[in-house]
Amino acid sequence: MHIILFGPPGSGKGTQSKFITKRYGIPQIATGDMLREEVNIGNKLGKTIKNIMNNGNLVTDEIVISLFKKRINHDDCQKGFLLDGFPRNIYQANAIKKLDIYIDFIIELVIPDEIALLRIIGRQVHITSGRIYHIKYNPPKVKDRDDITGEKLTIRKDDQESIVRKRLLEYHKLTLPLIKYYIHETKKNNHQYYKINANNSIDNVSVQIANILD
């Protein structure tokens, strides 16, 4: 089973990715993870990637595609995989097609930007453990304090309103052409595309996804 999951920041994509990988026994393949893995290996390509990223530049499509080709040959991909953050553009989508990899399902999590914004800017994090709270949806027992340690919670820089709005704009700019591409491909019976309202509870969204994939 080969799946692509789209969703803006705040849509719950990370949570639903974990649900899918656990339920169906397939790995999540994310561009960032592939890049970090190659950098950690420390080979020639890894050093090239590190230099590109350290200079604040984007890694080329060719490098990302070569890493993807390498990743899908791992044993854990025999039953399929879930793509997260890849493809990022039409060139990468066409590259997948040229590899004769059939994408069974494209699932798009849809949520109004203002709701996504509210979900994100209210997040508080306990840095040491990674525990995440939300001032409205999942507040700590004591304001601004971690439930377990009592240590102060922080707000990630990426979760500030101005940055979140920028991330949402960037997502729509990158993803809209891809969504159009896959809807067009679906009409040619090449894929199954589904749009899910992510402005629901986690369990509700998970059930909708399971109804599609089961």
N, C-alpha and C. Protein backbone atom coordinates (compact mmCIF):
# COMPACT_ATOMS: atom_id res chain seq x y z
N MET A 1 0.84 -1.19 0.00
CA MET A 1 0.00 0.00 0.00
C MET A 1 0.89 1.24 0.00
N HIS A 2 0.73 2.07 -1.00
CA HIS A 2 1.51 3.31 -1.13
C HIS A 2 0.58 4.50 -0.94
N ILE A 3 0.90 5.35 0.04
CA ILE A 3 0.01 6.44 0.42
C ILE A 3 0.78 7.76 0.45
N ILE A 4 0.13 8.82 -0.01
CA ILE A 4 0.64 10.17 0.19
C ILE A 4 -0.35 10.90 1.08
N LEU A 5 0.15 11.54 2.14
CA LEU A 5 -0.70 12.29 3.05
C LEU A 5 -0.33 13.76 3.01
N PHE A 6 -1.30 14.58 2.62
CA PHE A 6 -1.12 16.03 2.60
C PHE A 6 -1.89 16.65 3.77
N GLY A 7 -1.37 17.73 4.30
CA GLY A 7 -2.08 18.44 5.35
C GLY A 7 -1.25 19.62 5.83
N PRO A 8 -1.87 20.77 6.06
CA PRO A 8 -1.13 21.95 6.50
C PRO A 8 -0.71 21.82 7.96
N PRO A 9 0.18 22.68 8.42
CA PRO A 9 0.49 22.73 9.85
C PRO A 9 -0.79 22.90 10.66
N GLY A 10 -0.92 22.13 11.73
CA GLY A 10 -2.12 22.24 12.56
C GLY A 10 -3.25 21.32 12.15
N SER A 11 -3.06 20.55 11.08
CA SER A 11 -4.13 19.66 10.60
C SER A 11 -4.13 18.32 11.32
N GLY A 12 -3.09 18.05 12.10
CA GLY A 12 -2.98 16.76 12.77
C GLY A 12 -2.30 15.71 11.91
N LYS A 13 -1.59 16.15 10.88
CA LYS A 13 -0.96 15.22 9.95
C LYS A 13 0.04 14.30 10.65
N GLY A 14 0.81 14.86 11.58
CA GLY A 14 1.78 14.04 12.30
C GLY A 14 1.12 12.95 13.11
N THR A 15 0.02 13.29 13.78
CA THR A 15 -0.72 12.32 14.58
C THR A 15 -1.31 11.23 13.70
N GLN A 16 -1.90 11.62 12.57
CA GLN A 16 -2.53 10.64 11.68
C GLN A 16 -1.48 9.79 10.96
N SER A 17 -0.30 10.35 10.73
CA SER A 17 0.78 9.56 10.14
C SER A 17 1.15 8.41 11.06
N LYS A 18 1.25 8.70 12.36
CA LYS A 18 1.56 7.65 13.34
C LYS A 18 0.46 6.59 13.37
N PHE A 19 -0.79 7.04 13.27
CA PHE A 19 -1.92 6.10 13.26
C PHE A 19 -1.82 5.16 12.06
N ILE A 20 -1.54 5.71 10.89
CA ILE A 20 -1.47 4.91 9.66
C ILE A 20 -0.31 3.91 9.72
N THR A 21 0.86 4.38 10.12
CA THR A 21 2.03 3.50 10.13
C THR A 21 1.85 2.35 11.12
N LYS A 22 1.23 2.63 12.26
CA LYS A 22 1.02 1.59 13.26
C LYS A 22 -0.06 0.61 12.82
N ARG A 23 -1.15 1.12 12.28
CA ARG A 23 -2.27 0.26 11.90
C ARG A 23 -1.93 -0.65 10.73
N TYR A 24 -1.16 -0.14 9.78
CA TYR A 24 -0.92 -0.90 8.55
C TYR A 24 0.50 -1.44 8.43
N GLY A 25 1.33 -1.19 9.44
CA GLY A 25 2.66 -1.77 9.46
C GLY A 25 3.57 -1.31 8.33
N ILE A 26 3.45 -0.04 7.97
CA ILE A 26 4.28 0.52 6.91
C ILE A 26 5.07 1.71 7.46
N PRO A 27 6.24 2.00 6.91
CA PRO A 27 7.03 3.12 7.42
C PRO A 27 6.58 4.46 6.86
N GLN A 28 6.84 5.49 7.62
CA GLN A 28 6.64 6.86 7.15
C GLN A 28 7.94 7.34 6.52
N ILE A 29 7.86 7.82 5.29
CA ILE A 29 9.04 8.35 4.60
C ILE A 29 8.88 9.85 4.48
N ALA A 30 9.74 10.58 5.17
CA ALA A 30 9.69 12.04 5.16
C ALA A 30 11.01 12.58 4.62
N THR A 31 10.92 13.62 3.81
CA THR A 31 12.12 14.20 3.20
C THR A 31 13.16 14.57 4.25
N GLY A 32 12.72 15.22 5.32
CA GLY A 32 13.64 15.65 6.36
C GLY A 32 14.39 14.48 6.99
N ASP A 33 13.67 13.38 7.23
CA ASP A 33 14.30 12.20 7.83
C ASP A 33 15.35 11.61 6.89
N MET A 34 15.03 11.55 5.60
CA MET A 34 15.99 11.00 4.63
C MET A 34 17.26 11.85 4.58
N LEU A 35 17.09 13.16 4.60
CA LEU A 35 18.25 14.06 4.55
C LEU A 35 19.11 13.92 5.80
N ARG A 36 18.46 13.89 6.97
CA ARG A 36 19.21 13.77 8.23
C ARG A 36 19.95 12.44 8.30
N GLU A 37 19.31 11.37 7.83
CA GLU A 37 19.95 10.05 7.85
C GLU A 37 21.22 10.05 7.01
N GLU A 38 21.14 10.66 5.84
CA GLU A 38 22.30 10.69 4.95
C GLU A 38 23.42 11.55 5.54
N VAL A 39 23.05 12.66 6.16
CA VAL A 39 24.05 13.52 6.81
C VAL A 39 24.74 12.76 7.94
N ASN A 40 23.97 12.00 8.71
CA ASN A 40 24.53 11.25 9.84
C ASN A 40 25.47 10.14 9.39
N ILE A 41 25.20 9.57 8.21
CA ILE A 41 26.09 8.54 7.67
C ILE A 41 27.48 9.13 7.41
N GLY A 42 27.49 10.38 6.97
CA GLY A 42 28.76 11.09 6.78
C GLY A 42 29.50 10.75 5.51
N ASN A 43 28.79 10.19 4.52
CA ASN A 43 29.43 9.89 3.24
C ASN A 43 29.53 11.16 2.39
N LYS A 44 30.01 10.99 1.16
CA LYS A 44 30.22 12.16 0.29
C LYS A 44 28.92 12.92 0.05
N LEU A 45 27.84 12.17 -0.24
CA LEU A 45 26.55 12.82 -0.49
C LEU A 45 26.06 13.51 0.78
N GLY A 46 26.24 12.84 1.92
CA GLY A 46 25.82 13.43 3.19
C GLY A 46 26.51 14.74 3.48
N LYS A 47 27.79 14.81 3.16
CA LYS A 47 28.55 16.05 3.37
C LYS A 47 28.07 17.15 2.43
N THR A 48 27.73 16.75 1.20
CA THR A 48 27.19 17.72 0.24
C THR A 48 25.87 18.30 0.74
N ILE A 49 25.00 17.41 1.23
CA ILE A 49 23.70 17.83 1.76
C ILE A 49 23.89 18.77 2.95
N LYS A 50 24.82 18.41 3.83
CA LYS A 50 25.07 19.23 5.03
C LYS A 50 25.51 20.64 4.64
N ASN A 51 26.38 20.73 3.65
CA ASN A 51 26.86 22.05 3.20
C ASN A 51 25.72 22.88 2.61
N ILE A 52 24.87 22.22 1.83
CA ILE A 52 23.73 22.91 1.22
C ILE A 52 22.81 23.47 2.30
N MET A 53 22.48 22.63 3.28
CA MET A 53 21.56 23.02 4.34
C MET A 53 22.19 24.09 5.25
N ASN A 54 23.48 23.95 5.54
CA ASN A 54 24.15 24.94 6.40
C ASN A 54 24.19 26.32 5.76
N ASN A 55 24.16 26.34 4.43
CA ASN A 55 24.16 27.62 3.71
C ASN A 55 22.75 28.17 3.51
N GLY A 56 21.77 27.47 4.08
CA GLY A 56 20.39 27.93 4.00
C GLY A 56 19.72 27.71 2.67
N ASN A 57 20.27 26.79 1.87
CA ASN A 57 19.70 26.51 0.55
C ASN A 57 18.87 25.23 0.57
N LEU A 58 18.02 25.08 -0.44
CA LEU A 58 17.21 23.88 -0.58
C LEU A 58 17.99 22.80 -1.29
N VAL A 59 17.86 21.57 -0.81
CA VAL A 59 18.49 20.43 -1.47
C VAL A 59 17.79 20.20 -2.80
N THR A 60 18.54 19.89 -3.84
CA THR A 60 17.98 19.76 -5.19
C THR A 60 17.01 18.58 -5.28
N ASP A 61 16.10 18.68 -6.25
CA ASP A 61 15.15 17.59 -6.49
C ASP A 61 15.89 16.29 -6.79
N GLU A 62 16.97 16.38 -7.56
CA GLU A 62 17.71 15.18 -7.95
C GLU A 62 18.25 14.43 -6.74
N ILE A 63 18.75 15.17 -5.76
CA ILE A 63 19.27 14.52 -4.54
C ILE A 63 18.14 13.87 -3.76
N VAL A 64 17.04 14.60 -3.59
CA VAL A 64 15.90 14.06 -2.84
C VAL A 64 15.36 12.80 -3.50
N ILE A 65 15.25 12.82 -4.81
CA ILE A 65 14.74 11.66 -5.54
C ILE A 65 15.68 10.47 -5.41
N SER A 66 16.99 10.72 -5.46
CA SER A 66 17.96 9.63 -5.30
C SER A 66 17.86 9.01 -3.91
N LEU A 67 17.63 9.83 -2.89
CA LEU A 67 17.45 9.32 -1.53
C LEU A 67 16.17 8.51 -1.41
N PHE A 68 15.12 8.97 -2.08
CA PHE A 68 13.84 8.25 -2.08
C PHE A 68 14.01 6.87 -2.72
N LYS A 69 14.69 6.80 -3.85
CA LYS A 69 14.93 5.53 -4.53
C LYS A 69 15.70 4.57 -3.62
N LYS A 70 16.63 5.11 -2.89
CA LYS A 70 17.42 4.30 -1.95
C LYS A 70 16.55 3.82 -0.78
N ARG A 71 15.71 4.73 -0.27
CA ARG A 71 14.90 4.42 0.92
C ARG A 71 13.88 3.33 0.66
N ILE A 72 13.24 3.35 -0.50
CA ILE A 72 12.16 2.38 -0.75
C ILE A 72 12.69 0.97 -1.00
N ASN A 73 14.00 0.82 -1.09
CA ASN A 73 14.58 -0.51 -1.23
C ASN A 73 14.86 -1.17 0.12
N HIS A 74 14.60 -0.45 1.21
CA HIS A 74 14.77 -1.04 2.54
C HIS A 74 13.69 -2.10 2.77
N ASP A 75 14.02 -3.07 3.61
CA ASP A 75 13.10 -4.19 3.86
C ASP A 75 11.76 -3.75 4.42
N ASP A 76 11.75 -2.68 5.21
CA ASP A 76 10.50 -2.27 5.85
C ASP A 76 9.48 -1.69 4.87
N CYS A 77 9.90 -1.49 3.61
CA CYS A 77 8.99 -0.93 2.60
C CYS A 77 8.31 -2.01 1.75
N GLN A 78 8.53 -3.27 2.09
CA GLN A 78 7.97 -4.35 1.28
C GLN A 78 6.45 -4.33 1.23
N LYS A 79 5.82 -3.92 2.34
CA LYS A 79 4.36 -3.86 2.39
C LYS A 79 3.82 -2.52 1.92
N GLY A 80 4.73 -1.56 1.69
CA GLY A 80 4.30 -0.24 1.26
C GLY A 80 4.95 0.84 2.09
N PHE A 81 4.42 2.06 1.96
CA PHE A 81 4.97 3.19 2.71
C PHE A 81 3.99 4.36 2.69
N LEU A 82 4.23 5.27 3.63
CA LEU A 82 3.46 6.51 3.71
C LEU A 82 4.41 7.66 3.43
N LEU A 83 4.09 8.48 2.44
CA LEU A 83 4.94 9.62 2.09
C LEU A 83 4.44 10.87 2.80
N ASP A 84 5.36 11.56 3.47
CA ASP A 84 5.04 12.78 4.21
C ASP A 84 6.05 13.85 3.82
N GLY A 85 5.59 14.91 3.17
CA GLY A 85 6.50 15.97 2.72
C GLY A 85 7.22 15.64 1.43
N PHE A 86 6.82 14.58 0.80
CA PHE A 86 7.36 14.17 -0.49
C PHE A 86 6.23 13.48 -1.25
N PRO A 87 5.98 13.87 -2.51
CA PRO A 87 6.67 14.90 -3.29
C PRO A 87 6.30 16.32 -2.84
N ARG A 88 7.23 17.26 -3.10
CA ARG A 88 6.99 18.66 -2.78
C ARG A 88 6.64 19.50 -4.00
N ASN A 89 6.79 18.92 -5.18
CA ASN A 89 6.49 19.65 -6.41
C ASN A 89 6.16 18.67 -7.53
N ILE A 90 5.74 19.20 -8.67
CA ILE A 90 5.32 18.37 -9.79
C ILE A 90 6.49 17.54 -10.33
N TYR A 91 7.67 18.12 -10.34
CA TYR A 91 8.86 17.40 -10.82
C TYR A 91 9.06 16.11 -10.02
N GLN A 92 8.95 16.22 -8.69
CA GLN A 92 9.12 15.04 -7.84
C GLN A 92 7.98 14.05 -8.03
N ALA A 93 6.77 14.57 -8.22
CA ALA A 93 5.62 13.68 -8.47
C ALA A 93 5.81 12.89 -9.75
N ASN A 94 6.29 13.55 -10.78
CA ASN A 94 6.55 12.86 -12.05
C ASN A 94 7.68 11.85 -11.91
N ALA A 95 8.65 12.16 -11.05
CA ALA A 95 9.76 11.23 -10.83
C ALA A 95 9.26 9.93 -10.20
N ILE A 96 8.32 10.04 -9.27
CA ILE A 96 7.72 8.85 -8.67
C ILE A 96 7.02 8.02 -9.75
N LYS A 97 6.31 8.71 -10.61
CA LYS A 97 5.59 8.04 -11.70
C LYS A 97 6.55 7.31 -12.64
N LYS A 98 7.68 7.96 -12.95
CA LYS A 98 8.67 7.37 -13.85
C LYS A 98 9.34 6.14 -13.24
N LEU A 99 9.32 6.05 -11.92
CA LEU A 99 9.88 4.88 -11.24
C LEU A 99 8.91 3.70 -11.24
N ASP A 100 7.75 3.91 -11.88
CA ASP A 100 6.70 2.88 -11.94
C ASP A 100 6.20 2.49 -10.55
N ILE A 101 6.17 3.47 -9.66
CA ILE A 101 5.62 3.25 -8.33
C ILE A 101 4.17 3.72 -8.33
N TYR A 102 3.27 2.80 -8.10
CA TYR A 102 1.84 3.13 -8.12
C TYR A 102 1.44 3.66 -6.75
N ILE A 103 0.92 4.87 -6.71
CA ILE A 103 0.40 5.45 -5.47
C ILE A 103 -1.07 5.07 -5.36
N ASP A 104 -1.39 4.27 -4.35
CA ASP A 104 -2.76 3.78 -4.20
C ASP A 104 -3.72 4.87 -3.70
N PHE A 105 -3.29 5.60 -2.69
CA PHE A 105 -4.18 6.58 -2.06
C PHE A 105 -3.46 7.92 -1.86
N ILE A 106 -4.15 8.99 -2.21
CA ILE A 106 -3.73 10.33 -1.84
C ILE A 106 -4.79 10.88 -0.90
N ILE A 107 -4.40 11.20 0.31
CA ILE A 107 -5.34 11.71 1.31
C ILE A 107 -4.94 13.14 1.67
N GLU A 108 -5.88 14.05 1.56
CA GLU A 108 -5.64 15.45 1.90
C GLU A 108 -6.44 15.81 3.14
N LEU A 109 -5.76 16.22 4.20
CA LEU A 109 -6.43 16.72 5.40
C LEU A 109 -6.68 18.21 5.22
N VAL A 110 -7.94 18.60 5.32
CA VAL A 110 -8.32 19.99 5.06
C VAL A 110 -8.83 20.63 6.34
N ILE A 111 -8.36 21.84 6.61
CA ILE A 111 -8.78 22.56 7.80
C ILE A 111 -8.65 24.06 7.52
N PRO A 112 -9.60 24.88 7.97
CA PRO A 112 -9.48 26.33 7.76
C PRO A 112 -8.20 26.87 8.41
N ASP A 113 -7.57 27.80 7.75
CA ASP A 113 -6.31 28.36 8.26
C ASP A 113 -6.45 28.92 9.67
N GLU A 114 -7.57 29.57 9.96
CA GLU A 114 -7.74 30.19 11.27
C GLU A 114 -7.83 29.13 12.38
N ILE A 115 -8.44 27.98 12.06
CA ILE A 115 -8.51 26.89 13.04
C ILE A 115 -7.12 26.29 13.25
N ALA A 116 -6.41 26.08 12.14
CA ALA A 116 -5.04 25.56 12.23
C ALA A 116 -4.17 26.50 13.07
N LEU A 117 -4.37 27.79 12.85
CA LEU A 117 -3.60 28.80 13.59
C LEU A 117 -3.88 28.70 15.08
N LEU A 118 -5.16 28.57 15.45
CA LEU A 118 -5.53 28.46 16.86
C LEU A 118 -4.92 27.22 17.50
N ARG A 119 -4.90 26.12 16.74
CA ARG A 119 -4.34 24.88 17.26
C ARG A 119 -2.85 25.01 17.56
N ILE A 120 -2.16 25.75 16.71
CA ILE A 120 -0.70 25.81 16.82
C ILE A 120 -0.23 26.86 17.82
N ILE A 121 -0.79 28.07 17.74
CA ILE A 121 -0.24 29.16 18.57
C ILE A 121 -0.55 28.97 20.05
N GLY A 122 -1.44 28.04 20.38
CA GLY A 122 -1.72 27.77 21.79
C GLY A 122 -0.87 26.64 22.35
N ARG A 123 0.04 26.10 21.54
CA ARG A 123 0.85 24.97 21.99
C ARG A 123 1.96 25.40 22.95
N GLN A 124 2.17 24.59 23.96
CA GLN A 124 3.28 24.77 24.89
C GLN A 124 4.04 23.45 25.00
N VAL A 125 5.35 23.53 25.08
CA VAL A 125 6.17 22.32 25.03
C VAL A 125 7.08 22.23 26.25
N HIS A 126 7.18 21.00 26.76
CA HIS A 126 8.21 20.72 27.77
C HIS A 126 9.43 20.21 27.00
N ILE A 127 10.44 21.04 26.91
CA ILE A 127 11.57 20.79 26.03
C ILE A 127 12.25 19.45 26.30
N THR A 128 12.50 19.14 27.56
CA THR A 128 13.26 17.94 27.91
C THR A 128 12.57 16.65 27.47
N SER A 129 11.27 16.56 27.71
CA SER A 129 10.53 15.32 27.42
C SER A 129 9.84 15.34 26.07
N GLY A 130 9.57 16.54 25.54
CA GLY A 130 8.82 16.65 24.30
C GLY A 130 7.32 16.65 24.51
N ARG A 131 6.87 16.62 25.77
CA ARG A 131 5.43 16.64 26.03
C ARG A 131 4.82 17.95 25.53
N ILE A 132 3.67 17.81 24.86
CA ILE A 132 3.02 18.98 24.26
C ILE A 132 1.68 19.24 24.94
N TYR A 133 1.44 20.47 25.26
CA TYR A 133 0.18 20.91 25.85
C TYR A 133 -0.45 21.97 24.94
N HIS A 134 -1.69 22.31 25.25
CA HIS A 134 -2.36 23.40 24.54
C HIS A 134 -3.21 24.16 25.55
N ILE A 135 -3.09 25.47 25.52
CA ILE A 135 -3.77 26.28 26.54
C ILE A 135 -5.29 26.10 26.53
N LYS A 136 -5.85 25.67 25.37
CA LYS A 136 -7.29 25.48 25.28
C LYS A 136 -7.67 24.01 25.21
N TYR A 137 -7.01 23.25 24.34
CA TYR A 137 -7.43 21.88 24.06
C TYR A 137 -6.81 20.84 25.00
N ASN A 138 -5.64 21.14 25.55
CA ASN A 138 -4.97 20.18 26.44
C ASN A 138 -4.10 20.95 27.44
N PRO A 139 -4.74 21.72 28.32
CA PRO A 139 -3.97 22.59 29.23
C PRO A 139 -3.25 21.79 30.32
N PRO A 140 -2.10 22.29 30.78
CA PRO A 140 -1.42 21.65 31.91
C PRO A 140 -2.24 21.86 33.19
N LYS A 141 -2.00 21.02 34.18
CA LYS A 141 -2.74 21.13 35.44
C LYS A 141 -2.45 22.47 36.13
N VAL A 142 -1.18 22.89 36.03
CA VAL A 142 -0.77 24.19 36.57
C VAL A 142 -0.31 25.05 35.39
N LYS A 143 -0.83 26.25 35.31
CA LYS A 143 -0.54 27.12 34.18
C LYS A 143 0.96 27.24 33.91
N ASP A 144 1.31 27.00 32.64
CA ASP A 144 2.69 27.17 32.15
C ASP A 144 3.69 26.20 32.77
N ARG A 145 3.18 25.11 33.41
CA ARG A 145 4.09 24.17 34.06
C ARG A 145 3.82 22.73 33.58
N ASP A 146 4.89 21.96 33.40
CA ASP A 146 4.77 20.57 33.00
C ASP A 146 4.11 19.75 34.11
N ASP A 147 3.18 18.87 33.73
CA ASP A 147 2.45 18.07 34.72
C ASP A 147 3.36 17.15 35.53
N ILE A 148 4.39 16.62 34.92
CA ILE A 148 5.24 15.62 35.58
C ILE A 148 6.35 16.26 36.41
N THR A 149 7.07 17.19 35.82
CA THR A 149 8.25 17.76 36.49
C THR A 149 7.99 19.10 37.16
N GLY A 150 6.93 19.77 36.74
CA GLY A 150 6.67 21.11 37.26
C GLY A 150 7.54 22.18 36.62
N GLU A 151 8.35 21.76 35.65
CA GLU A 151 9.24 22.72 34.98
C GLU A 151 8.45 23.62 34.03
N LYS A 152 9.02 24.76 33.73
CA LYS A 152 8.33 25.75 32.90
C LYS A 152 8.19 25.26 31.46
N LEU A 153 7.03 25.52 30.88
CA LEU A 153 6.77 25.18 29.48
C LEU A 153 7.17 26.35 28.59
N THR A 154 7.50 26.04 27.36
CA THR A 154 7.91 27.08 26.42
C THR A 154 7.08 27.01 25.15
N ILE A 155 7.11 28.08 24.39
CA ILE A 155 6.46 28.13 23.08
C ILE A 155 7.55 28.12 22.02
N ARG A 156 7.47 27.17 21.09
CA ARG A 156 8.47 27.09 20.04
C ARG A 156 8.45 28.34 19.18
N LYS A 157 9.61 28.71 18.69
CA LYS A 157 9.71 29.87 17.81
C LYS A 157 8.83 29.67 16.58
N ASP A 158 8.82 28.43 16.05
CA ASP A 158 8.03 28.13 14.85
C ASP A 158 6.53 28.23 15.09
N ASP A 159 6.12 28.26 16.36
CA ASP A 159 4.70 28.31 16.69
C ASP A 159 4.19 29.72 16.95
N GLN A 160 5.02 30.72 16.71
CA GLN A 160 4.57 32.11 16.84
C GLN A 160 3.67 32.46 15.66
N GLU A 161 2.67 33.31 15.91
CA GLU A 161 1.62 33.55 14.91
C GLU A 161 2.16 33.98 13.55
N SER A 162 3.08 34.92 13.53
CA SER A 162 3.58 35.43 12.24
C SER A 162 4.27 34.33 11.44
N ILE A 163 4.99 33.46 12.15
CA ILE A 163 5.70 32.37 11.47
C ILE A 163 4.72 31.31 11.00
N VAL A 164 3.70 31.02 11.81
CA VAL A 164 2.69 30.02 11.42
C VAL A 164 1.94 30.48 10.17
N ARG A 165 1.58 31.75 10.13
CA ARG A 165 0.88 32.27 8.94
C ARG A 165 1.76 32.12 7.70
N LYS A 166 3.04 32.37 7.85
CA LYS A 166 3.97 32.21 6.74
C LYS A 166 4.06 30.75 6.30
N ARG A 167 4.09 29.84 7.27
CA ARG A 167 4.14 28.41 6.97
C ARG A 167 2.88 27.95 6.25
N LEU A 168 1.74 28.47 6.66
CA LEU A 168 0.47 28.11 6.01
C LEU A 168 0.44 28.59 4.56
N LEU A 169 0.89 29.83 4.35
CA LEU A 169 0.95 30.37 2.98
C LEU A 169 1.88 29.53 2.11
N GLU A 170 3.01 29.16 2.67
CA GLU A 170 4.00 28.35 1.95
C GLU A 170 3.41 26.99 1.59
N TYR A 171 2.68 26.40 2.55
CA TYR A 171 2.05 25.10 2.30
C TYR A 171 1.09 25.17 1.13
N HIS A 172 0.20 26.15 1.15
CA HIS A 172 -0.80 26.27 0.08
C HIS A 172 -0.13 26.52 -1.27
N LYS A 173 0.90 27.34 -1.26
CA LYS A 173 1.62 27.66 -2.50
C LYS A 173 2.24 26.40 -3.11
N LEU A 174 2.84 25.57 -2.26
CA LEU A 174 3.50 24.36 -2.74
C LEU A 174 2.52 23.25 -3.07
N THR A 175 1.47 23.13 -2.26
CA THR A 175 0.61 21.94 -2.34
C THR A 175 -0.50 22.05 -3.36
N LEU A 176 -1.04 23.24 -3.59
CA LEU A 176 -2.16 23.39 -4.53
C LEU A 176 -1.86 22.79 -5.90
N PRO A 177 -0.70 23.07 -6.51
CA PRO A 177 -0.41 22.45 -7.81
C PRO A 177 -0.35 20.93 -7.73
N LEU A 178 0.17 20.39 -6.61
CA LEU A 178 0.24 18.94 -6.45
C LEU A 178 -1.15 18.33 -6.32
N ILE A 179 -2.02 18.99 -5.57
CA ILE A 179 -3.39 18.49 -5.42
C ILE A 179 -4.07 18.45 -6.78
N LYS A 180 -3.92 19.51 -7.55
CA LYS A 180 -4.51 19.55 -8.90
C LYS A 180 -3.94 18.43 -9.77
N TYR A 181 -2.64 18.21 -9.64
CA TYR A 181 -1.97 17.15 -10.41
C TYR A 181 -2.57 15.79 -10.08
N TYR A 182 -2.73 15.50 -8.79
CA TYR A 182 -3.22 14.18 -8.40
C TYR A 182 -4.72 14.01 -8.65
N ILE A 183 -5.47 15.09 -8.57
CA ILE A 183 -6.89 15.00 -8.94
C ILE A 183 -7.00 14.66 -10.42
N HIS A 184 -6.16 15.29 -11.24
CA HIS A 184 -6.14 14.99 -12.68
C HIS A 184 -5.75 13.53 -12.91
N GLU A 185 -4.75 13.06 -12.17
CA GLU A 185 -4.31 11.66 -12.31
C GLU A 185 -5.42 10.70 -11.87
N THR A 186 -6.15 11.07 -10.84
CA THR A 186 -7.24 10.24 -10.34
C THR A 186 -8.32 10.08 -11.40
N LYS A 187 -8.59 11.15 -12.14
CA LYS A 187 -9.60 11.09 -13.20
C LYS A 187 -9.19 10.12 -14.30
N LYS A 188 -7.88 9.86 -14.39
CA LYS A 188 -7.39 8.89 -15.37
C LYS A 188 -7.30 7.49 -14.75
N ASN A 189 -7.90 7.35 -13.56
CA ASN A 189 -7.93 6.08 -12.82
C ASN A 189 -6.54 5.61 -12.38
N ASN A 190 -5.65 6.57 -12.18
CA ASN A 190 -4.30 6.20 -11.74
C ASN A 190 -4.16 6.16 -10.22
N HIS A 191 -5.06 6.84 -9.51
CA HIS A 191 -4.97 6.90 -8.06
C HIS A 191 -6.38 7.04 -7.48
N GLN A 192 -6.46 6.94 -6.14
CA GLN A 192 -7.68 7.29 -5.43
C GLN A 192 -7.36 8.49 -4.53
N TYR A 193 -8.07 9.58 -4.77
CA TYR A 193 -7.84 10.81 -4.01
C TYR A 193 -9.02 11.06 -3.08
N TYR A 194 -8.72 11.36 -1.81
CA TYR A 194 -9.75 11.63 -0.82
C TYR A 194 -9.42 12.90 -0.05
N LYS A 195 -10.45 13.69 0.20
CA LYS A 195 -10.31 14.90 1.01
C LYS A 195 -11.05 14.66 2.32
N ILE A 196 -10.38 14.90 3.43
CA ILE A 196 -10.96 14.67 4.76
C ILE A 196 -10.99 15.97 5.55
N ASN A 197 -12.13 16.23 6.17
CA ASN A 197 -12.28 17.40 7.04
C ASN A 197 -11.53 17.13 8.34
N ALA A 198 -10.40 17.80 8.52
CA ALA A 198 -9.57 17.57 9.71
C ALA A 198 -10.02 18.42 10.90
N ASN A 199 -11.07 19.21 10.71
CA ASN A 199 -11.59 20.02 11.81
C ASN A 199 -12.55 19.18 12.65
N ASN A 200 -12.05 18.04 13.09
CA ASN A 200 -12.79 17.09 13.91
C ASN A 200 -11.84 16.54 14.96
N SER A 201 -12.36 15.66 15.81
CA SER A 201 -11.50 15.05 16.83
C SER A 201 -10.49 14.12 16.16
N ILE A 202 -9.41 13.83 16.87
CA ILE A 202 -8.39 12.92 16.35
C ILE A 202 -9.00 11.58 15.99
N ASP A 203 -9.82 11.03 16.89
CA ASP A 203 -10.43 9.72 16.64
C ASP A 203 -11.33 9.74 15.43
N ASN A 204 -12.10 10.83 15.26
CA ASN A 204 -13.00 10.95 14.11
C ASN A 204 -12.22 10.92 12.81
N VAL A 205 -11.13 11.66 12.75
CA VAL A 205 -10.31 11.70 11.53
C VAL A 205 -9.67 10.34 11.28
N SER A 206 -9.21 9.68 12.34
CA SER A 206 -8.60 8.36 12.20
C SER A 206 -9.60 7.35 11.64
N VAL A 207 -10.83 7.42 12.11
CA VAL A 207 -11.88 6.51 11.62
C VAL A 207 -12.13 6.75 10.13
N GLN A 208 -12.18 8.02 9.72
CA GLN A 208 -12.38 8.33 8.31
C GLN A 208 -11.24 7.77 7.45
N ILE A 209 -10.02 7.88 7.95
CA ILE A 209 -8.87 7.35 7.21
C ILE A 209 -8.94 5.83 7.13
N ALA A 210 -9.27 5.19 8.24
CA ALA A 210 -9.37 3.72 8.26
C ALA A 210 -10.46 3.23 7.31
N ASN A 211 -11.56 3.96 7.23
CA ASN A 211 -12.64 3.56 6.31
C ASN A 211 -12.18 3.61 4.86
N ILE A 212 -11.24 4.48 4.56
CA ILE A 212 -10.70 4.59 3.20
C ILE A 212 -9.70 3.47 2.92
N LEU A 213 -8.82 3.23 3.87
CA LEU A 213 -7.69 2.33 3.64
C LEU A 213 -7.98 0.86 3.91
N ASP A 214 -8.95 0.57 4.79
CA ASP A 214 -9.24 -0.84 5.13
C ASP A 214 -9.79 -1.62 3.94
